[in-house]
Amino acid sequence: MPDRPDHVFLISIDTLRADRCGFMGYSEPTTPFLDQLASQGVVFKQHMSNSNNTLVSHGSILTGLSPMSHGLRDDGLAGGRIGLRAGEHTLAASMRRAGYATAAFTAHPVWLSSAFGLDGGFDVMSAAWVTAEENAGLFLEWYDTHEPGRLFSFIHFFDVHSDFSSGGGCLPYESSAELRVEFAGCAPPGFSGCLAGAPGCCASEYLSALSQGVERAPATHTRYVSSLYDAGLRKLDDLLERFFAELERRGLLEKSLVIITSDHGEAFMEHGEFLHGSFYDEIMHVPLLISAPWLFDAGEVNWVTRSIDIAPTILDFCGVGNSIGEGWSLAESVVNDRRPACDEVFFNESVLRASDEVGLFKLEMGSDFPAFYDLSRDPFERQNLLSEELAPAQHKRVANGVRRLVNLRRASVRHLEYLGRAPTVDVNEQDLRALKQLGY
C-alpha cells in the first residue's frame, strides 16, 4: 500500500439513496459535482447500509459493527435510548492513536453527538441543527484556527433529509425556487404539502401520515415530492462544490482520502411508503464513493459492500491495520480488484440480504408479516414468497436464511455481553419535538 494520506474526509449525506446520483446512473442533473469527483475515484455500485436509522447507521459506519453489535438505539421510550458502550473501539480513536487529529461536525445534535457516545475518539465534536453551508463554515473556521497536520474529519450533512430547514413549512424537501422549478415544475393541483383538513400536519409529518394510510396521495403528488427531493440534492451538490474549492485552496486535497456515503436512502411509495421506515433496497442501497487520485486509479466495484466495511477500509488505507468491527477492508477491492470474502448484509436486527447457492435473496423476520424475496428474479421486491405456498426448494432456502440470521444475532449478543451494560440516554422535550417534526 502506498504512503498513507495526510487528510481523510469521511462525509455522510443523510438520506441519500443511490439511484438519485448521476454517478450511479440517474438521468437528472442532481449531482454534477459528485459526478466529477466520482470520475477521479472508485464508485461502489452495490453498497448497502446496515440500518434505516440515522443514529444506528452512523454507529455502524463509525465502529464497523452491525446494529445489534454496537447496540445504539432510540425507540423513544424511557430506558430505550442506548448509547455506545464504554470501551467500544471506534474509527476516530484508532485514527487518533495513529497520529491524526480528529474532528467531527454533525448536523444532528440529538443522535450524532456526545449524548450517545459518538464523540469517542474525536478531539472535537460540533453537533447542531445547521445547514450544510453553516456546517461547512464551522469546519473551515475550526481548521483555520487550529491548522492540524494529519487530520481525520467526519462531516455530516442533513439537508437532503425531509423537513430539515422548512421551520414547519409545507414543503418536505428544501431547495430554492429556481431549483424547484427546474426539477419539479409547478405544484400539481391540490398539493399543499399538508394533510387535507389538518393544516398543521405538513412536510415530514405529512409524508408520515400518508405512509400510515391517513390519506391517499395521487400519483402526481408523489412524483412532485420525489422531484422536490432531487432539487434538494442538487442544492447540496452545489454547496459541496464550493466547500471542496475551499478545501483545495487550503491545500487539504493534495494528498487526501475522501469517502462519501449515506446512512440510508428514501422511499417514494415504491412499496406504499414515504420516508425511510422500511428495509427495501430504496432504503438499503446508498452511495459509496472513495476518491484519492494520488493513491489509486478511478474505477467501479460491482459486488456488495456494506457500511460496516467503511471503518476498516479507512484504517487499511491509512496504514493502521483493519482490525476493527465486523466488516472487511475494501482497499484490496480498490487496488487489486479483489472481492471481499463476505456479502452478507445484516440490516437492523431482523433483515438479512445475502446470496446462497440459488442466488441473491432478502429475508425479513422482525414483523408480523415476515418476508422472503428472491432478488435474482425479483429485484424490485414485489413478490413476498412467504405470502404464498412455498415449493419444497424454497422451504430449504428460507430455513437456511433463518439459520444464518439467527447465527448473526447470536454473535451480536455475545459482543454486547462481552462489553457489559450500555449507558441509557436522556433526551429533553425540545429534542423530542425536533425528532417528531422530522417524522420519527
Protein backbone atom coordinates (compact mmCIF):
# COMPACT_ATOMS: atom_id res chain seq x y z
CA MET A 1 0.00 0.00 0.00
CA PRO A 2 1.36 3.49 -0.86
CA ASP A 3 2.07 6.15 1.73
CA ARG A 4 -0.86 6.96 3.95
CA PRO A 5 -2.91 10.10 3.27
CA ASP A 6 -2.32 13.32 5.16
CA HIS A 7 -6.04 14.10 5.40
CA VAL A 8 -9.09 11.87 5.49
CA PHE A 9 -12.58 13.27 4.92
CA LEU A 10 -15.49 10.95 5.76
CA ILE A 11 -18.59 12.77 4.52
CA SER A 12 -22.08 11.47 5.21
CA ILE A 13 -25.01 12.88 3.24
CA ASP A 14 -28.01 11.89 5.29
CA THR A 15 -30.94 10.24 3.44
CA LEU A 16 -29.20 9.91 0.06
CA ARG A 17 -30.43 6.96 -1.99
CA ALA A 18 -28.03 5.59 -4.53
CA ASP A 19 -30.16 5.76 -7.65
CA ARG A 20 -30.61 9.55 -7.41
CA CYS A 21 -26.93 10.23 -8.10
CA GLY A 22 -25.62 10.80 -11.60
CA PHE A 23 -22.55 8.65 -10.93
CA MET A 24 -24.97 5.82 -10.12
CA GLY A 25 -26.81 6.19 -13.44
CA TYR A 26 -29.51 8.75 -12.69
CA SER A 27 -30.51 10.83 -15.71
CA GLU A 28 -31.44 14.05 -13.87
CA PRO A 29 -28.59 16.51 -13.13
CA THR A 30 -28.75 16.13 -9.36
CA THR A 31 -25.04 15.63 -8.62
CA PRO A 32 -22.75 17.21 -11.24
CA PHE A 33 -20.01 17.93 -8.70
CA LEU A 34 -20.14 14.48 -7.13
CA ASP A 35 -20.13 13.00 -10.64
CA GLN A 36 -16.88 14.84 -11.33
CA LEU A 37 -15.41 13.59 -8.05
CA ALA A 38 -16.53 10.06 -8.93
CA SER A 39 -14.69 10.25 -12.24
CA GLN A 40 -11.48 10.55 -10.20
CA GLY A 41 -12.35 7.85 -7.69
CA VAL A 42 -13.90 4.45 -7.17
CA VAL A 43 -17.68 4.01 -7.10
CA PHE A 44 -19.13 1.05 -5.21
CA LYS A 45 -22.22 0.17 -7.22
CA GLN A 46 -23.82 -2.24 -4.75
CA HIS A 47 -23.18 -0.54 -1.41
CA MET A 48 -25.71 -1.29 1.33
CA SER A 49 -26.47 0.42 4.60
CA ASN A 50 -26.82 -1.62 7.79
CA SER A 51 -29.76 0.38 9.13
CA ASN A 52 -32.52 2.80 8.14
CA ASN A 53 -31.99 4.91 11.26
CA THR A 54 -29.57 7.85 11.39
CA LEU A 55 -28.21 7.04 14.86
CA VAL A 56 -27.89 3.31 14.31
CA SER A 57 -26.47 3.51 10.80
CA HIS A 58 -23.80 6.04 11.72
CA GLY A 59 -22.92 3.84 14.66
CA SER A 60 -22.11 1.10 12.15
CA ILE A 61 -20.12 3.49 9.95
CA LEU A 62 -18.03 4.76 12.86
CA THR A 63 -17.41 1.40 14.58
CA GLY A 64 -17.55 -1.20 11.80
CA LEU A 65 -20.15 -3.08 13.85
CA SER A 66 -23.62 -4.25 12.88
CA PRO A 67 -26.51 -2.54 14.70
CA MET A 68 -27.08 -5.38 17.15
CA SER A 69 -23.38 -5.49 18.00
CA HIS A 70 -22.90 -1.81 18.83
CA GLY A 71 -26.32 -1.63 20.48
CA LEU A 72 -27.11 2.02 19.74
CA ARG A 73 -30.81 2.75 19.64
CA ASP A 74 -33.51 5.27 20.38
CA ASP A 75 -37.03 3.87 20.49
CA GLY A 76 -38.42 6.99 22.15
CA LEU A 77 -39.12 5.26 25.45
CA ALA A 78 -37.57 5.68 28.87
CA GLY A 79 -34.72 3.20 29.10
CA GLY A 80 -34.86 2.66 25.34
CA ARG A 81 -32.26 5.26 24.45
CA ILE A 82 -28.96 3.41 24.45
CA GLY A 83 -25.56 4.96 23.85
CA LEU A 84 -22.27 3.44 22.75
CA ARG A 85 -20.68 1.24 25.37
CA ALA A 86 -17.52 2.37 27.13
CA GLY A 87 -14.51 0.58 25.69
CA GLU A 88 -16.01 0.13 22.23
CA HIS A 89 -13.37 0.55 19.53
CA THR A 90 -14.14 3.42 17.18
CA LEU A 91 -12.68 4.59 13.90
CA ALA A 92 -11.86 8.01 15.39
CA ALA A 93 -9.99 6.51 18.33
CA SER A 94 -7.91 4.34 16.01
CA MET A 95 -7.09 7.32 13.81
CA ARG A 96 -6.10 9.41 16.82
CA ARG A 97 -3.77 6.67 18.05
CA ALA A 98 -2.19 6.67 14.58
CA GLY A 99 -1.29 10.34 14.91
CA TYR A 100 -4.23 12.04 13.20
CA ALA A 101 -6.08 14.96 14.72
CA THR A 102 -9.76 14.00 14.76
CA ALA A 103 -12.77 16.27 14.29
CA ALA A 104 -16.50 15.70 13.82
CA PHE A 105 -19.01 18.26 12.59
CA THR A 106 -22.55 16.89 12.51
CA ALA A 107 -25.96 18.38 11.77
CA HIS A 108 -27.92 16.13 14.15
CA PRO A 109 -27.33 17.27 17.74
CA VAL A 110 -29.69 14.69 19.24
CA TRP A 111 -28.23 11.47 17.85
CA LEU A 112 -24.84 12.28 16.31
CA SER A 113 -23.43 13.78 19.46
CA SER A 114 -21.65 13.09 22.72
CA ALA A 115 -25.00 12.18 24.30
CA PHE A 116 -24.94 8.80 22.55
CA GLY A 117 -21.17 8.37 22.86
CA LEU A 118 -20.34 9.05 19.22
CA ASP A 119 -17.73 11.62 20.25
CA GLY A 120 -15.44 8.77 21.31
CA GLY A 121 -12.01 9.30 19.79
CA PHE A 122 -12.72 12.79 18.44
CA ASP A 123 -10.63 15.71 19.66
CA VAL A 124 -13.54 18.00 18.87
CA MET A 125 -17.20 17.34 18.07
CA SER A 126 -19.60 20.03 16.90
CA ALA A 127 -23.25 18.92 16.77
CA ALA A 128 -26.05 21.38 15.93
CA TRP A 129 -29.13 21.76 13.74
CA VAL A 130 -27.26 23.58 10.98
CA THR A 131 -27.49 23.77 7.21
CA ALA A 132 -24.74 22.34 5.06
CA GLU A 133 -23.40 25.82 4.38
CA GLU A 134 -23.25 26.57 8.10
CA ASN A 135 -21.66 23.22 8.95
CA ALA A 136 -19.02 23.61 6.25
CA GLY A 137 -18.31 27.08 7.60
CA LEU A 138 -17.92 25.75 11.14
CA PHE A 139 -15.40 23.17 9.95
CA LEU A 140 -13.37 25.68 7.95
CA GLU A 141 -13.36 28.13 10.85
CA TRP A 142 -12.12 25.42 13.18
CA TYR A 143 -9.45 24.30 10.72
CA ASP A 144 -8.19 27.82 10.11
CA THR A 145 -7.84 28.32 13.86
CA HIS A 146 -6.05 25.03 14.61
CA GLU A 147 -4.38 24.00 11.31
CA PRO A 148 -3.61 20.44 12.42
CA GLY A 149 -1.13 18.34 10.46
CA ARG A 150 -2.65 14.98 9.68
CA LEU A 151 -6.39 15.15 10.05
CA PHE A 152 -9.36 12.76 10.10
CA SER A 153 -12.67 14.59 9.71
CA PHE A 154 -16.19 13.23 9.90
CA ILE A 155 -18.61 15.74 8.38
CA HIS A 156 -22.35 15.08 8.30
CA PHE A 157 -24.83 17.00 6.16
CA PHE A 158 -28.56 16.72 6.90
CA ASP A 159 -30.07 18.93 4.21
CA VAL A 160 -31.36 16.18 1.91
CA HIS A 161 -33.45 14.81 4.79
CA SER A 162 -37.11 15.83 4.67
CA ASP A 163 -38.21 18.94 6.55
CA PHE A 164 -34.73 20.00 7.58
CA SER A 165 -34.85 23.78 7.17
CA SER A 166 -38.52 24.42 6.44
CA GLY A 167 -39.23 25.53 10.00
CA GLY A 168 -42.60 23.80 9.96
CA GLY A 169 -43.48 24.92 6.44
CA CYS A 170 -45.27 22.90 3.82
CA LEU A 171 -42.57 21.51 1.55
CA PRO A 172 -40.91 18.30 2.72
CA TYR A 173 -37.58 18.87 0.90
CA GLU A 174 -35.88 22.26 0.83
CA SER A 175 -34.02 23.80 -2.10
CA SER A 176 -34.67 27.10 -3.86
CA ALA A 177 -37.45 28.48 -6.03
CA GLU A 178 -35.24 28.17 -9.12
CA LEU A 179 -34.29 24.55 -8.40
CA ARG A 180 -37.88 23.60 -7.61
CA VAL A 181 -38.96 24.90 -11.00
CA GLU A 182 -36.06 23.17 -12.76
CA PHE A 183 -36.61 19.76 -11.19
CA ALA A 184 -40.26 19.69 -10.13
CA GLY A 185 -42.07 22.35 -12.15
CA CYS A 186 -45.27 23.80 -10.73
CA ALA A 187 -47.05 22.11 -7.85
CA PRO A 188 -49.82 19.80 -9.10
CA PRO A 189 -53.47 20.71 -8.42
CA GLY A 190 -54.47 20.11 -4.83
CA PHE A 191 -50.96 19.79 -3.47
CA SER A 192 -50.19 21.84 -0.38
CA GLY A 193 -47.67 19.68 1.46
CA CYS A 194 -50.16 19.31 4.31
CA LEU A 195 -52.97 16.90 5.09
CA ALA A 196 -56.41 17.99 3.95
CA GLY A 197 -58.25 19.34 6.98
CA ALA A 198 -55.08 19.28 9.06
CA PRO A 199 -53.05 22.35 8.03
CA GLY A 200 -50.53 21.80 10.82
CA CYS A 201 -49.58 18.33 9.58
CA CYS A 202 -47.01 19.23 6.95
CA ALA A 203 -43.69 18.22 5.43
CA SER A 204 -42.25 15.13 7.19
CA GLU A 205 -45.34 14.67 9.33
CA TYR A 206 -47.45 14.83 6.16
CA LEU A 207 -45.33 12.15 4.48
CA SER A 208 -45.51 10.01 7.62
CA ALA A 209 -49.30 10.29 7.69
CA LEU A 210 -49.51 9.28 4.03
CA SER A 211 -47.34 6.25 4.79
CA GLN A 212 -49.77 5.24 7.54
CA GLY A 213 -52.73 5.48 5.16
CA VAL A 214 -54.34 8.52 6.78
CA GLU A 215 -54.77 10.00 3.32
CA ARG A 216 -54.01 8.77 -0.17
CA ALA A 217 -51.62 10.77 -2.33
CA PRO A 218 -52.36 10.98 -6.07
CA ALA A 219 -49.54 9.81 -8.32
CA THR A 220 -48.93 13.41 -9.42
CA HIS A 221 -48.29 14.41 -5.80
CA THR A 222 -45.88 11.52 -5.28
CA ARG A 223 -43.93 12.47 -8.39
CA TYR A 224 -43.81 16.10 -7.28
CA VAL A 225 -42.49 15.19 -3.82
CA SER A 226 -39.90 12.93 -5.44
CA SER A 227 -38.75 15.78 -7.68
CA LEU A 228 -38.51 18.13 -4.70
CA TYR A 229 -36.03 15.64 -3.25
CA ASP A 230 -33.97 15.88 -6.46
CA ALA A 231 -33.95 19.67 -6.21
CA GLY A 232 -32.76 19.48 -2.62
CA LEU A 233 -29.97 17.13 -3.59
CA ARG A 234 -28.81 19.49 -6.34
CA LYS A 235 -28.71 22.35 -3.83
CA LEU A 236 -26.44 20.31 -1.58
CA ASP A 237 -24.25 19.26 -4.52
CA ASP A 238 -23.69 22.93 -5.39
CA LEU A 239 -22.67 23.59 -1.79
CA LEU A 240 -20.26 20.64 -1.81
CA GLU A 241 -18.56 22.07 -4.89
CA ARG A 242 -17.95 25.35 -3.06
CA PHE A 243 -16.82 23.52 0.08
CA PHE A 244 -14.30 21.40 -1.81
CA ALA A 245 -12.98 24.53 -3.52
CA GLU A 246 -12.23 25.91 -0.05
CA LEU A 247 -10.53 22.65 0.94
CA GLU A 248 -8.40 22.79 -2.18
CA ARG A 249 -7.50 26.44 -1.57
CA ARG A 250 -6.12 25.38 1.82
CA GLY A 251 -4.12 22.54 0.29
CA LEU A 252 -6.19 19.86 2.02
CA LEU A 253 -6.97 17.79 -1.07
CA GLU A 254 -3.45 17.32 -2.45
CA LYS A 255 -2.84 14.10 -0.51
CA SER A 256 -6.26 13.27 0.89
CA LEU A 257 -8.61 10.32 1.07
CA VAL A 258 -12.25 11.32 0.53
CA ILE A 259 -15.10 8.97 1.38
CA ILE A 260 -18.68 10.00 0.59
CA THR A 261 -21.60 7.86 1.66
CA SER A 262 -25.01 7.94 3.35
CA ASP A 263 -26.76 6.37 6.31
CA HIS A 264 -29.89 5.30 4.39
CA GLY A 265 -31.99 6.14 1.37
CA GLU A 266 -35.53 7.45 0.99
CA ALA A 267 -38.77 5.94 -0.30
CA PHE A 268 -41.30 7.45 -2.67
CA MET A 269 -44.18 4.98 -2.46
CA GLU A 270 -42.37 2.15 -4.25
CA HIS A 271 -43.74 -0.09 -1.52
CA GLY A 272 -46.55 2.09 -0.21
CA GLU A 273 -44.45 4.38 1.98
CA PHE A 274 -42.58 7.66 2.03
CA LEU A 275 -39.55 8.43 4.23
CA HIS A 276 -37.25 5.58 5.28
CA GLY A 277 -39.01 3.24 7.69
CA SER A 278 -38.66 0.05 5.65
CA PHE A 279 -36.00 -2.49 4.67
CA TYR A 280 -36.42 -2.36 0.88
CA ASP A 281 -33.49 -1.58 -1.40
CA GLU A 282 -34.56 2.04 -1.97
CA ILE A 283 -33.61 2.40 1.70
CA MET A 284 -30.69 -0.04 1.94
CA HIS A 285 -28.89 0.88 -1.30
CA VAL A 286 -26.80 4.01 -0.70
CA PRO A 287 -23.79 5.56 -2.44
CA LEU A 288 -20.18 4.88 -1.55
CA LEU A 289 -17.56 6.92 -3.37
CA ILE A 290 -13.87 6.86 -2.45
CA SER A 291 -11.54 9.34 -4.12
CA ALA A 292 -7.76 9.60 -3.81
CA PRO A 293 -6.30 10.24 -7.29
CA TRP A 294 -2.71 10.15 -5.95
CA LEU A 295 -3.33 6.75 -4.35
CA PHE A 296 -5.26 4.72 -6.93
CA ASP A 297 -6.93 4.91 -10.33
CA ALA A 298 -10.62 5.51 -10.88
CA GLY A 299 -12.95 2.58 -11.38
CA GLU A 300 -16.02 0.69 -10.23
CA VAL A 301 -16.63 -2.10 -7.74
CA ASN A 302 -19.68 -4.16 -8.66
CA TRP A 303 -20.05 -6.55 -5.71
CA VAL A 304 -21.91 -5.97 -2.47
CA THR A 305 -20.27 -3.80 0.17
CA ARG A 306 -21.65 -2.54 3.49
CA SER A 307 -21.50 0.37 5.91
CA ILE A 308 -19.55 -1.79 8.35
CA ASP A 309 -16.77 -2.07 5.73
CA ILE A 310 -16.03 1.67 5.74
CA ALA A 311 -14.08 1.92 9.01
CA PRO A 312 -11.68 -0.99 8.29
CA THR A 313 -11.18 0.36 4.76
CA ILE A 314 -10.11 3.78 6.03
CA LEU A 315 -7.75 2.25 8.57
CA ASP A 316 -6.24 0.00 5.92
CA PHE A 317 -5.57 2.89 3.54
CA CYS A 318 -4.02 4.84 6.41
CA GLY A 319 -1.65 2.03 7.34
CA VAL A 320 -3.30 1.48 10.71
CA GLY A 321 -4.44 -2.07 10.02
CA ASN A 322 -8.06 -3.03 9.61
CA SER A 323 -8.87 -4.95 12.78
CA ILE A 324 -11.99 -3.05 13.77
CA GLY A 325 -15.58 -4.18 13.91
CA GLU A 326 -17.10 -6.93 11.81
CA GLY A 327 -16.57 -5.51 8.33
CA TRP A 328 -13.93 -6.12 5.68
CA SER A 329 -11.43 -3.67 4.28
CA LEU A 330 -12.25 -2.71 0.70
CA ALA A 331 -8.73 -1.50 -0.02
CA GLU A 332 -7.91 -4.71 -1.91
CA SER A 333 -11.10 -4.24 -3.93
CA VAL A 334 -9.87 -0.81 -4.96
CA VAL A 335 -6.18 -1.54 -5.55
CA ASN A 336 -6.22 -5.16 -6.76
CA ASP A 337 -9.86 -5.69 -7.80
CA ARG A 338 -10.19 -8.39 -5.16
CA ARG A 339 -13.64 -9.34 -3.90
CA PRO A 340 -14.24 -9.39 -0.12
CA ALA A 341 -14.98 -12.74 1.48
CA CYS A 342 -18.47 -11.80 2.66
CA ASP A 343 -21.54 -10.27 1.05
CA GLU A 344 -24.00 -10.71 3.93
CA VAL A 345 -25.80 -7.51 4.85
CA PHE A 346 -27.17 -7.74 8.39
CA PHE A 347 -29.66 -4.86 8.42
CA ASN A 348 -31.03 -3.66 11.76
CA GLU A 349 -31.84 -6.70 13.90
CA SER A 350 -34.03 -8.80 11.67
CA VAL A 351 -33.11 -8.46 7.98
CA LEU A 352 -30.56 -10.48 6.02
CA ARG A 353 -29.65 -9.60 2.44
CA ALA A 354 -27.27 -12.22 1.08
CA SER A 355 -26.67 -14.87 -1.55
CA ASP A 356 -26.87 -18.64 -1.46
CA GLU A 357 -26.39 -21.43 -3.99
CA VAL A 358 -29.54 -20.29 -5.85
CA GLY A 359 -28.94 -16.54 -5.97
CA LEU A 360 -29.48 -13.28 -4.14
CA PHE A 361 -32.24 -13.08 -1.52
CA LYS A 362 -33.60 -10.90 1.24
CA LEU A 363 -35.18 -12.25 4.44
CA GLU A 364 -37.09 -10.15 6.98
CA MET A 365 -38.22 -11.78 10.23
CA GLY A 366 -38.90 -8.88 12.59
CA SER A 367 -42.54 -8.03 11.90
CA ASP A 368 -45.95 -9.64 11.99
CA PHE A 369 -45.60 -10.19 8.24
CA PRO A 370 -42.23 -11.86 7.56
CA ALA A 371 -40.89 -11.66 4.03
CA PHE A 372 -38.57 -13.53 1.70
CA TYR A 373 -37.64 -12.07 -1.68
CA ASP A 374 -35.71 -13.79 -4.45
CA LEU A 375 -33.78 -10.72 -5.56
CA SER A 376 -32.18 -12.51 -8.51
CA ARG A 377 -35.63 -12.91 -10.11
CA ASP A 378 -37.47 -10.12 -8.31
CA PRO A 379 -35.04 -7.18 -7.91
CA PHE A 380 -37.81 -4.69 -7.11
CA GLU A 381 -39.11 -6.83 -4.23
CA ARG A 382 -42.67 -7.20 -5.49
CA GLN A 383 -43.33 -10.86 -4.62
CA ASN A 384 -43.09 -11.89 -0.98
CA LEU A 385 -42.70 -15.65 -1.27
CA LEU A 386 -43.83 -16.15 2.34
CA SER A 387 -47.26 -14.82 1.42
CA GLU A 388 -47.92 -17.88 -0.77
CA GLU A 389 -47.44 -21.61 -0.63
CA LEU A 390 -43.74 -22.37 -0.87
CA ALA A 391 -42.23 -25.02 -3.08
CA PRO A 392 -40.03 -27.55 -1.22
CA ALA A 393 -36.85 -25.98 -2.61
CA GLN A 394 -37.93 -22.58 -1.32
CA HIS A 395 -38.58 -24.05 2.13
CA LYS A 396 -34.92 -25.05 2.27
CA ARG A 397 -33.76 -21.59 1.18
CA VAL A 398 -35.87 -19.86 3.81
CA ALA A 399 -34.76 -22.27 6.55
CA ASN A 400 -31.10 -21.73 5.69
CA GLY A 401 -31.63 -17.97 5.63
CA VAL A 402 -33.27 -18.03 9.03
CA ARG A 403 -30.39 -20.11 10.39
CA ARG A 404 -27.85 -17.58 9.09
CA LEU A 405 -29.83 -14.69 10.54
CA VAL A 406 -30.07 -16.38 13.94
CA ASN A 407 -26.31 -17.00 13.96
CA LEU A 408 -25.64 -13.32 13.20
CA ARG A 409 -27.94 -12.30 16.04
CA ARG A 410 -26.22 -14.68 18.46
CA ALA A 411 -22.79 -13.31 17.56
CA SER A 412 -24.03 -9.79 18.20
CA VAL A 413 -25.46 -10.74 21.58
CA ARG A 414 -22.12 -12.25 22.57
CA HIS A 415 -20.39 -8.98 21.65
CA LEU A 416 -22.83 -6.96 23.75
CA GLU A 417 -22.45 -9.29 26.71
CA TYR A 418 -18.66 -9.03 26.49
CA LEU A 419 -18.73 -5.22 26.74
CA GLY A 420 -21.29 -5.13 29.53
CA ARG A 421 -24.18 -2.80 30.26
CA ALA A 422 -24.78 0.12 27.92
CA PRO A 423 -25.46 3.67 29.14
CA THR A 424 -29.02 4.93 28.85
CA VAL A 425 -29.51 8.40 27.38
CA ASP A 426 -31.95 11.14 28.38
CA VAL A 427 -33.41 13.27 25.59
CA ASN A 428 -35.10 16.55 26.52
CA GLU A 429 -38.51 17.74 25.35
CA GLN A 430 -37.05 20.14 22.80
CA ASP A 431 -35.12 17.31 21.17
CA LEU A 432 -38.22 15.11 21.19
CA ARG A 433 -40.18 17.82 19.34
CA ALA A 434 -37.39 18.11 16.78
CA LEU A 435 -37.41 14.35 16.18
CA LYS A 436 -41.21 14.36 15.81
CA GLN A 437 -41.04 17.17 13.23
CA LEU A 438 -38.61 15.04 11.21
CA GLY A 439 -41.09 12.17 11.07
CA TYR A 440 -39.64 9.96 13.83
